[in-house]
């Protein structure tokens, strides 16, 4: 089953490269970079002790998505002033990169947290 999923995902990514315009790929990549960098920077500023409040846990997510959106709007405003074209699809590609990055970060964090919890339970009852 795992082999089939790997082959299907590889086929998808090879065909997606030819179907998605290069400009949109660059906007998506910029969204990934801006969001990832901002997320970990904000998370480094706010320690884990400050994440006890439910709103504080969302700070890295909201701030990083805000910076990603601001970067996309800024780039499209620059394009509008330079070329006279504001492309909302480019803005959507940038924001989609940000949302995908947050999804991956939070998904991996949840998996790691789950496995740590299971590992600690095994250690607790091993003796």
N, C-alpha and C. Protein backbone atom coordinates (compact mmCIF):
# COMPACT_ATOMS: atom_id res chain seq x y z
N UNK A 1 0.82 -1.20 0.00
CA UNK A 1 0.00 0.00 0.00
C UNK A 1 0.86 1.26 0.00
N UNK A 2 1.91 1.23 0.83
CA UNK A 2 2.81 2.38 0.90
C UNK A 2 3.48 2.63 -0.45
N UNK A 3 3.87 1.57 -1.13
CA UNK A 3 4.52 1.71 -2.44
C UNK A 3 3.57 2.35 -3.45
N UNK A 4 2.31 1.96 -3.41
CA UNK A 4 1.33 2.54 -4.33
C UNK A 4 1.16 4.03 -4.07
N UNK A 5 1.08 4.41 -2.79
CA UNK A 5 0.96 5.83 -2.46
C UNK A 5 2.17 6.63 -2.91
N UNK A 6 3.36 6.07 -2.74
CA UNK A 6 4.57 6.77 -3.18
C UNK A 6 4.58 6.94 -4.69
N UNK A 7 4.20 5.91 -5.41
CA UNK A 7 4.17 5.99 -6.88
C UNK A 7 3.13 6.99 -7.35
N UNK A 8 1.94 6.97 -6.74
CA UNK A 8 0.89 7.93 -7.12
C UNK A 8 1.29 9.36 -6.81
N UNK A 9 1.89 9.58 -5.64
CA UNK A 9 2.30 10.95 -5.30
C UNK A 9 3.43 11.42 -6.20
N UNK A 10 4.35 10.54 -6.56
CA UNK A 10 5.42 10.91 -7.47
C UNK A 10 4.86 11.25 -8.85
N UNK A 11 3.92 10.48 -9.33
CA UNK A 11 3.28 10.75 -10.62
C UNK A 11 2.53 12.08 -10.58
N UNK A 12 1.86 12.35 -9.47
CA UNK A 12 1.14 13.62 -9.33
C UNK A 12 2.09 14.80 -9.40
N UNK A 13 3.20 14.72 -8.66
CA UNK A 13 4.13 15.84 -8.64
C UNK A 13 4.84 16.04 -9.98
N UNK A 14 5.08 14.95 -10.70
CA UNK A 14 5.72 15.09 -12.01
C UNK A 14 4.77 15.74 -13.02
N UNK A 15 3.49 15.41 -12.96
CA UNK A 15 2.54 16.01 -13.89
C UNK A 15 2.12 17.40 -13.43
N UNK A 16 2.11 17.65 -12.13
CA UNK A 16 1.70 18.96 -11.62
C UNK A 16 2.68 20.04 -12.04
N UNK A 17 3.95 19.68 -12.18
CA UNK A 17 4.94 20.66 -12.58
C UNK A 17 4.64 21.24 -13.95
N UNK A 18 4.10 20.42 -14.84
CA UNK A 18 3.81 20.90 -16.18
C UNK A 18 2.47 21.63 -16.26
N UNK A 19 1.58 21.39 -15.29
CA UNK A 19 0.24 21.98 -15.33
C UNK A 19 0.15 23.31 -14.59
N UNK A 20 0.99 23.51 -13.58
CA UNK A 20 0.94 24.74 -12.80
C UNK A 20 1.99 25.70 -13.35
N UNK A 21 1.58 26.93 -13.68
CA UNK A 21 2.55 27.89 -14.23
C UNK A 21 3.68 28.17 -13.26
N UNK A 22 4.84 28.48 -13.80
CA UNK A 22 6.04 28.72 -12.99
C UNK A 22 5.83 29.88 -12.01
N UNK A 23 5.11 30.91 -12.43
CA UNK A 23 4.87 32.06 -11.56
C UNK A 23 4.10 31.65 -10.31
N UNK A 24 3.11 30.79 -10.48
CA UNK A 24 2.32 30.33 -9.32
C UNK A 24 3.17 29.45 -8.41
N UNK A 25 4.06 28.65 -8.99
CA UNK A 25 4.96 27.83 -8.18
C UNK A 25 5.88 28.72 -7.34
N UNK A 26 6.36 29.80 -7.93
CA UNK A 26 7.23 30.72 -7.19
C UNK A 26 6.46 31.41 -6.07
N UNK A 27 5.21 31.79 -6.32
CA UNK A 27 4.39 32.41 -5.27
C UNK A 27 4.12 31.42 -4.14
N UNK A 28 3.83 30.18 -4.49
CA UNK A 28 3.62 29.15 -3.48
C UNK A 28 4.87 28.96 -2.64
N UNK A 29 6.03 28.90 -3.29
CA UNK A 29 7.30 28.74 -2.58
C UNK A 29 7.58 29.92 -1.67
N UNK A 30 7.27 31.12 -2.13
CA UNK A 30 7.47 32.31 -1.29
C UNK A 30 6.57 32.24 -0.05
N UNK A 31 5.34 31.78 -0.22
CA UNK A 31 4.45 31.62 0.92
C UNK A 31 4.98 30.60 1.92
N UNK A 32 5.56 29.52 1.43
CA UNK A 32 6.15 28.50 2.30
C UNK A 32 7.31 29.10 3.09
N UNK A 33 8.17 29.83 2.40
CA UNK A 33 9.36 30.39 3.05
C UNK A 33 8.98 31.45 4.07
N UNK A 34 8.13 32.39 3.70
CA UNK A 34 7.72 33.45 4.63
C UNK A 34 7.03 32.86 5.86
N UNK A 35 6.12 31.93 5.65
CA UNK A 35 5.37 31.36 6.76
C UNK A 35 6.26 30.52 7.67
N UNK A 36 7.08 29.69 7.09
CA UNK A 36 7.96 28.84 7.90
C UNK A 36 8.93 29.65 8.73
N UNK A 37 9.56 30.64 8.12
CA UNK A 37 10.51 31.48 8.84
C UNK A 37 9.81 32.27 9.95
N UNK A 38 8.68 32.87 9.64
CA UNK A 38 7.97 33.67 10.63
C UNK A 38 7.43 32.81 11.76
N UNK A 39 6.93 31.62 11.43
CA UNK A 39 6.37 30.74 12.45
C UNK A 39 7.43 30.39 13.49
N UNK A 40 8.59 29.96 13.03
CA UNK A 40 9.61 29.55 13.98
C UNK A 40 10.25 30.73 14.69
N UNK A 41 10.28 31.90 14.06
CA UNK A 41 10.78 33.09 14.74
C UNK A 41 9.83 33.50 15.86
N UNK A 42 8.54 33.53 15.58
CA UNK A 42 7.56 33.90 16.60
C UNK A 42 7.53 32.86 17.71
N UNK A 43 7.64 31.60 17.34
CA UNK A 43 7.63 30.54 18.34
C UNK A 43 8.86 30.61 19.24
N UNK A 44 9.99 31.05 18.70
CA UNK A 44 11.20 31.19 19.51
C UNK A 44 11.07 32.36 20.49
N UNK A 45 10.33 33.39 20.12
CA UNK A 45 10.15 34.55 20.99
C UNK A 45 9.24 34.19 22.15
N UNK A 46 8.15 33.50 21.86
CA UNK A 46 7.21 33.09 22.90
C UNK A 46 7.58 31.67 23.35
N UNK A 47 7.99 31.52 24.58
CA UNK A 47 8.40 30.21 25.08
C UNK A 47 7.18 29.34 25.30
N UNK A 48 7.43 28.07 25.56
CA UNK A 48 6.34 27.12 25.78
C UNK A 48 5.51 27.48 27.02
N UNK A 49 6.12 28.14 28.00
CA UNK A 49 5.38 28.53 29.20
C UNK A 49 4.26 29.50 28.87
N UNK A 50 4.45 30.30 27.84
CA UNK A 50 3.44 31.29 27.48
C UNK A 50 2.35 30.69 26.61
N UNK A 51 2.46 29.42 26.23
CA UNK A 51 1.46 28.80 25.38
C UNK A 51 0.34 28.14 26.18
N UNK A 52 0.28 28.40 27.48
CA UNK A 52 -0.81 27.81 28.27
C UNK A 52 -2.14 28.43 27.93
N UNK A 53 -2.14 29.70 27.59
CA UNK A 53 -3.36 30.39 27.17
C UNK A 53 -3.72 29.89 25.77
N UNK A 54 -5.01 29.66 25.53
CA UNK A 54 -5.42 29.12 24.23
C UNK A 54 -5.14 30.11 23.09
N UNK A 55 -5.23 31.41 23.36
CA UNK A 55 -4.93 32.39 22.32
C UNK A 55 -3.44 32.42 22.03
N UNK A 56 -2.62 32.29 23.07
CA UNK A 56 -1.16 32.34 22.88
C UNK A 56 -0.69 31.19 21.99
N UNK A 57 -1.38 30.06 22.02
CA UNK A 57 -0.99 28.93 21.18
C UNK A 57 -1.19 29.25 19.69
N UNK A 58 -2.14 30.14 19.42
CA UNK A 58 -2.43 30.51 18.03
C UNK A 58 -1.57 31.66 17.53
N UNK A 59 -0.79 32.30 18.39
CA UNK A 59 0.01 33.45 17.97
C UNK A 59 0.95 33.14 16.82
N UNK A 60 1.76 32.08 16.88
CA UNK A 60 2.65 31.82 15.74
C UNK A 60 1.88 31.57 14.44
N UNK A 61 0.73 30.92 14.54
CA UNK A 61 -0.05 30.61 13.35
C UNK A 61 -0.62 31.89 12.74
N UNK A 62 -1.26 32.72 13.56
CA UNK A 62 -1.90 33.93 13.03
C UNK A 62 -0.88 34.94 12.54
N UNK A 63 0.20 35.10 13.28
CA UNK A 63 1.21 36.08 12.86
C UNK A 63 1.89 35.63 11.57
N UNK A 64 2.24 34.36 11.47
CA UNK A 64 2.93 33.89 10.27
C UNK A 64 2.02 33.93 9.04
N UNK A 65 0.74 33.59 9.21
CA UNK A 65 -0.17 33.70 8.07
C UNK A 65 -0.42 35.17 7.70
N UNK A 66 -0.42 36.04 8.70
CA UNK A 66 -0.56 37.47 8.42
C UNK A 66 0.62 38.02 7.65
N UNK A 67 1.82 37.61 8.02
CA UNK A 67 3.02 38.06 7.30
C UNK A 67 3.02 37.50 5.88
N UNK A 68 2.60 36.26 5.72
CA UNK A 68 2.52 35.66 4.39
C UNK A 68 1.52 36.42 3.51
N UNK A 69 0.37 36.74 4.06
CA UNK A 69 -0.64 37.49 3.32
C UNK A 69 -0.15 38.89 2.99
N UNK A 70 0.50 39.52 3.95
CA UNK A 70 1.04 40.87 3.72
C UNK A 70 2.10 40.85 2.62
N UNK A 71 2.94 39.82 2.61
CA UNK A 71 3.95 39.70 1.56
C UNK A 71 3.29 39.52 0.19
N UNK A 72 2.24 38.69 0.13
CA UNK A 72 1.54 38.48 -1.14
C UNK A 72 0.85 39.73 -1.63
N UNK A 73 0.19 40.45 -0.72
CA UNK A 73 -0.48 41.70 -1.11
C UNK A 73 0.54 42.74 -1.53
N UNK A 74 1.66 42.80 -0.81
CA UNK A 74 2.72 43.74 -1.18
C UNK A 74 3.29 43.46 -2.56
N UNK A 75 3.52 42.19 -2.86
CA UNK A 75 4.05 41.82 -4.18
C UNK A 75 3.05 42.14 -5.29
N UNK A 76 1.79 41.86 -5.05
CA UNK A 76 0.79 42.13 -6.07
C UNK A 76 0.55 43.64 -6.23
N UNK A 77 0.67 44.39 -5.16
CA UNK A 77 0.59 45.85 -5.27
C UNK A 77 1.76 46.38 -6.08
N UNK A 78 2.93 45.81 -5.84
CA UNK A 78 4.12 46.19 -6.62
C UNK A 78 3.90 45.88 -8.10
N UNK A 79 3.35 44.70 -8.38
CA UNK A 79 3.05 44.35 -9.77
C UNK A 79 2.03 45.31 -10.38
N UNK A 80 1.04 45.70 -9.61
CA UNK A 80 0.02 46.61 -10.11
C UNK A 80 0.63 47.98 -10.43
N UNK A 81 1.48 48.46 -9.56
CA UNK A 81 2.11 49.77 -9.79
C UNK A 81 3.13 49.71 -10.92
N UNK A 82 3.79 48.57 -11.09
CA UNK A 82 4.82 48.43 -12.13
C UNK A 82 4.22 48.07 -13.49
N UNK A 83 3.30 47.10 -13.50
CA UNK A 83 2.79 46.55 -14.77
C UNK A 83 1.31 46.82 -15.00
N UNK A 84 0.61 47.29 -13.98
CA UNK A 84 -0.81 47.56 -14.12
C UNK A 84 -1.70 46.34 -13.97
N UNK A 85 -1.14 45.24 -13.38
CA UNK A 85 -1.91 44.00 -13.23
C UNK A 85 -1.82 43.53 -11.78
N UNK A 86 -2.99 43.37 -11.14
CA UNK A 86 -3.07 42.78 -9.81
C UNK A 86 -3.72 41.42 -9.99
N UNK A 87 -2.94 40.35 -9.86
CA UNK A 87 -3.45 39.00 -10.11
C UNK A 87 -3.85 38.33 -8.79
N UNK A 88 -5.14 38.17 -8.53
CA UNK A 88 -5.56 37.52 -7.28
C UNK A 88 -5.16 36.05 -7.20
N UNK A 89 -4.90 35.41 -8.34
CA UNK A 89 -4.46 34.02 -8.33
C UNK A 89 -3.04 33.91 -7.76
N UNK A 90 -2.21 34.90 -8.03
CA UNK A 90 -0.87 34.92 -7.43
C UNK A 90 -0.96 35.08 -5.92
N UNK A 91 -1.85 35.95 -5.47
CA UNK A 91 -2.06 36.14 -4.04
C UNK A 91 -2.58 34.85 -3.40
N UNK A 92 -3.49 34.18 -4.09
CA UNK A 92 -4.03 32.91 -3.57
C UNK A 92 -2.93 31.84 -3.50
N UNK A 93 -2.04 31.81 -4.49
CA UNK A 93 -0.95 30.83 -4.47
C UNK A 93 0.00 31.09 -3.30
N UNK A 94 0.27 32.36 -3.02
CA UNK A 94 1.13 32.70 -1.89
C UNK A 94 0.48 32.28 -0.58
N UNK A 95 -0.80 32.59 -0.43
CA UNK A 95 -1.51 32.24 0.80
C UNK A 95 -1.67 30.72 0.94
N UNK A 96 -1.86 30.03 -0.16
CA UNK A 96 -1.96 28.57 -0.12
C UNK A 96 -0.65 27.95 0.35
N UNK A 97 0.47 28.53 -0.06
CA UNK A 97 1.76 28.05 0.44
C UNK A 97 1.87 28.22 1.94
N UNK A 98 1.35 29.34 2.46
CA UNK A 98 1.37 29.56 3.89
C UNK A 98 0.49 28.59 4.65
N UNK A 99 -0.70 28.37 4.14
CA UNK A 99 -1.63 27.45 4.80
C UNK A 99 -1.09 26.02 4.76
N UNK A 100 -0.48 25.63 3.65
CA UNK A 100 0.09 24.29 3.55
C UNK A 100 1.24 24.11 4.55
N UNK A 101 2.03 25.14 4.71
CA UNK A 101 3.14 25.07 5.66
C UNK A 101 2.64 24.91 7.09
N UNK A 102 1.63 25.69 7.46
CA UNK A 102 1.05 25.58 8.80
C UNK A 102 0.47 24.18 9.00
N UNK A 103 -0.20 23.66 7.98
CA UNK A 103 -0.76 22.31 8.07
C UNK A 103 0.30 21.25 8.30
N UNK A 104 1.41 21.37 7.60
CA UNK A 104 2.50 20.40 7.77
C UNK A 104 3.13 20.54 9.15
N UNK A 105 3.42 21.77 9.57
CA UNK A 105 4.05 21.98 10.88
C UNK A 105 3.16 21.44 12.00
N UNK A 106 1.90 21.81 11.99
CA UNK A 106 1.00 21.38 13.05
C UNK A 106 0.71 19.88 12.97
N UNK A 107 0.64 19.33 11.77
CA UNK A 107 0.43 17.89 11.64
C UNK A 107 1.60 17.09 12.18
N UNK A 108 2.81 17.50 11.83
CA UNK A 108 4.00 16.81 12.34
C UNK A 108 4.09 16.98 13.86
N UNK A 109 3.78 18.17 14.35
CA UNK A 109 3.81 18.40 15.80
C UNK A 109 2.81 17.48 16.51
N UNK A 110 1.63 17.30 15.95
CA UNK A 110 0.65 16.42 16.56
C UNK A 110 1.09 14.97 16.55
N UNK A 111 1.70 14.52 15.47
CA UNK A 111 2.19 13.14 15.38
C UNK A 111 3.30 12.91 16.40
N UNK A 112 4.24 13.85 16.48
CA UNK A 112 5.34 13.71 17.43
C UNK A 112 4.81 13.70 18.87
N UNK A 113 3.87 14.58 19.16
CA UNK A 113 3.29 14.64 20.50
C UNK A 113 2.60 13.32 20.85
N UNK A 114 1.88 12.76 19.90
CA UNK A 114 1.18 11.50 20.12
C UNK A 114 2.18 10.37 20.40
N UNK A 115 3.24 10.30 19.60
CA UNK A 115 4.21 9.22 19.77
C UNK A 115 5.02 9.38 21.06
N UNK A 116 5.31 10.61 21.44
CA UNK A 116 6.00 10.83 22.72
C UNK A 116 5.13 10.36 23.88
N UNK A 117 3.84 10.66 23.79
CA UNK A 117 2.92 10.27 24.85
C UNK A 117 2.85 8.74 24.96
N UNK A 118 2.77 8.07 23.83
CA UNK A 118 2.72 6.60 23.84
C UNK A 118 4.03 6.02 24.37
N UNK A 119 5.15 6.63 23.98
CA UNK A 119 6.46 6.14 24.43
C UNK A 119 6.61 6.32 25.93
N UNK A 120 6.16 7.46 26.46
CA UNK A 120 6.24 7.69 27.90
C UNK A 120 5.35 6.73 28.67
N UNK A 121 4.17 6.41 28.12
CA UNK A 121 3.30 5.44 28.77
C UNK A 121 3.94 4.06 28.82
N UNK A 122 4.63 3.68 27.74
CA UNK A 122 5.32 2.38 27.72
C UNK A 122 6.42 2.34 28.78
N UNK A 123 7.16 3.46 28.90
CA UNK A 123 8.22 3.51 29.89
C UNK A 123 7.67 3.47 31.31
N UNK A 124 6.52 4.12 31.51
CA UNK A 124 5.91 4.17 32.83
C UNK A 124 5.48 2.79 33.30
N UNK A 125 4.91 2.01 32.41
CA UNK A 125 4.40 0.71 32.79
C UNK A 125 5.38 -0.42 32.51
N UNK A 126 6.59 -0.12 32.10
CA UNK A 126 7.57 -1.16 31.81
C UNK A 126 8.16 -1.75 33.07
N UNK A 127 8.13 -1.01 34.14
CA UNK A 127 8.78 -1.50 35.38
C UNK A 127 7.81 -2.13 36.31
